[in-house]
């Protein structure tokens, strides 16, 4: 969870919605595998 929080904060300067979605999707995929 720490990585998710850190990355979500770091992308807030750019396009938070799209990037956050991609990050969360990648994390979900990684967690399921």
C-alpha atoms as a PDB file:
ATOM      1  CA  UNK A   1       0.000   0.000   0.000  1.00  0.00           C
ATOM      2  CA  UNK A   2       2.916   2.342   0.647  1.00  0.00           C
ATOM      3  CA  UNK A   3       3.988   2.132  -2.986  1.00  0.00           C
ATOM      4  CA  UNK A   4       0.454   2.907  -4.170  1.00  0.00           C
ATOM      5  CA  UNK A   5       0.160   5.957  -1.896  1.00  0.00           C
ATOM      6  CA  UNK A   6       3.586   7.248  -2.964  1.00  0.00           C
ATOM      7  CA  UNK A   7       2.933   6.839  -6.672  1.00  0.00           C
ATOM      8  CA  UNK A   8      -0.548   8.356  -6.468  1.00  0.00           C
ATOM      9  CA  UNK A   9       0.972  11.426  -4.827  1.00  0.00           C
ATOM     10  CA  UNK A  10       3.805  11.706  -7.358  1.00  0.00           C
ATOM     11  CA  UNK A  11       1.450  11.628 -10.366  1.00  0.00           C
ATOM     12  CA  UNK A  12      -0.899  14.279  -8.946  1.00  0.00           C
ATOM     13  CA  UNK A  13       1.134  16.907 -10.834  1.00  0.00           C
ATOM     14  CA  UNK A  14       0.322  15.359 -14.206  1.00  0.00           C
ATOM     15  CA  UNK A  15      -2.908  13.569 -15.138  1.00  0.00           C
ATOM     16  CA  UNK A  16      -3.991  12.031 -11.811  1.00  0.00           C
ATOM     17  CA  UNK A  17      -7.153  10.350 -13.096  1.00  0.00           C
ATOM     18  CA  UNK A  18      -5.688   8.505 -16.081  1.00  0.00           C
ATOM     19  CA  UNK A  19      -2.335   7.715 -14.479  1.00  0.00           C
ATOM     20  CA  UNK A  20      -3.906   6.666 -11.180  1.00  0.00           C
ATOM     21  CA  UNK A  21      -6.220   4.324 -13.080  1.00  0.00           C
ATOM     22  CA  UNK A  22      -3.282   2.772 -14.932  1.00  0.00           C
ATOM     23  CA  UNK A  23      -1.293   2.407 -11.708  1.00  0.00           C
ATOM     24  CA  UNK A  24      -4.188   0.902  -9.774  1.00  0.00           C
ATOM     25  CA  UNK A  25      -4.912  -1.486 -12.654  1.00  0.00           C
ATOM     26  CA  UNK A  26      -1.257  -2.559 -12.771  1.00  0.00           C
ATOM     27  CA  UNK A  27      -1.192  -3.078  -9.003  1.00  0.00           C
ATOM     28  CA  UNK A  28      -4.387  -5.129  -9.114  1.00  0.00           C
ATOM     29  CA  UNK A  29      -2.930  -7.266 -11.905  1.00  0.00           C
ATOM     30  CA  UNK A  30       0.315  -7.722  -9.949  1.00  0.00           C
ATOM     31  CA  UNK A  31      -1.618  -8.594  -6.806  1.00  0.00           C
ATOM     32  CA  UNK A  32      -3.738 -11.196  -8.581  1.00  0.00           C
ATOM     33  CA  UNK A  33      -0.763 -12.924 -10.236  1.00  0.00           C
END
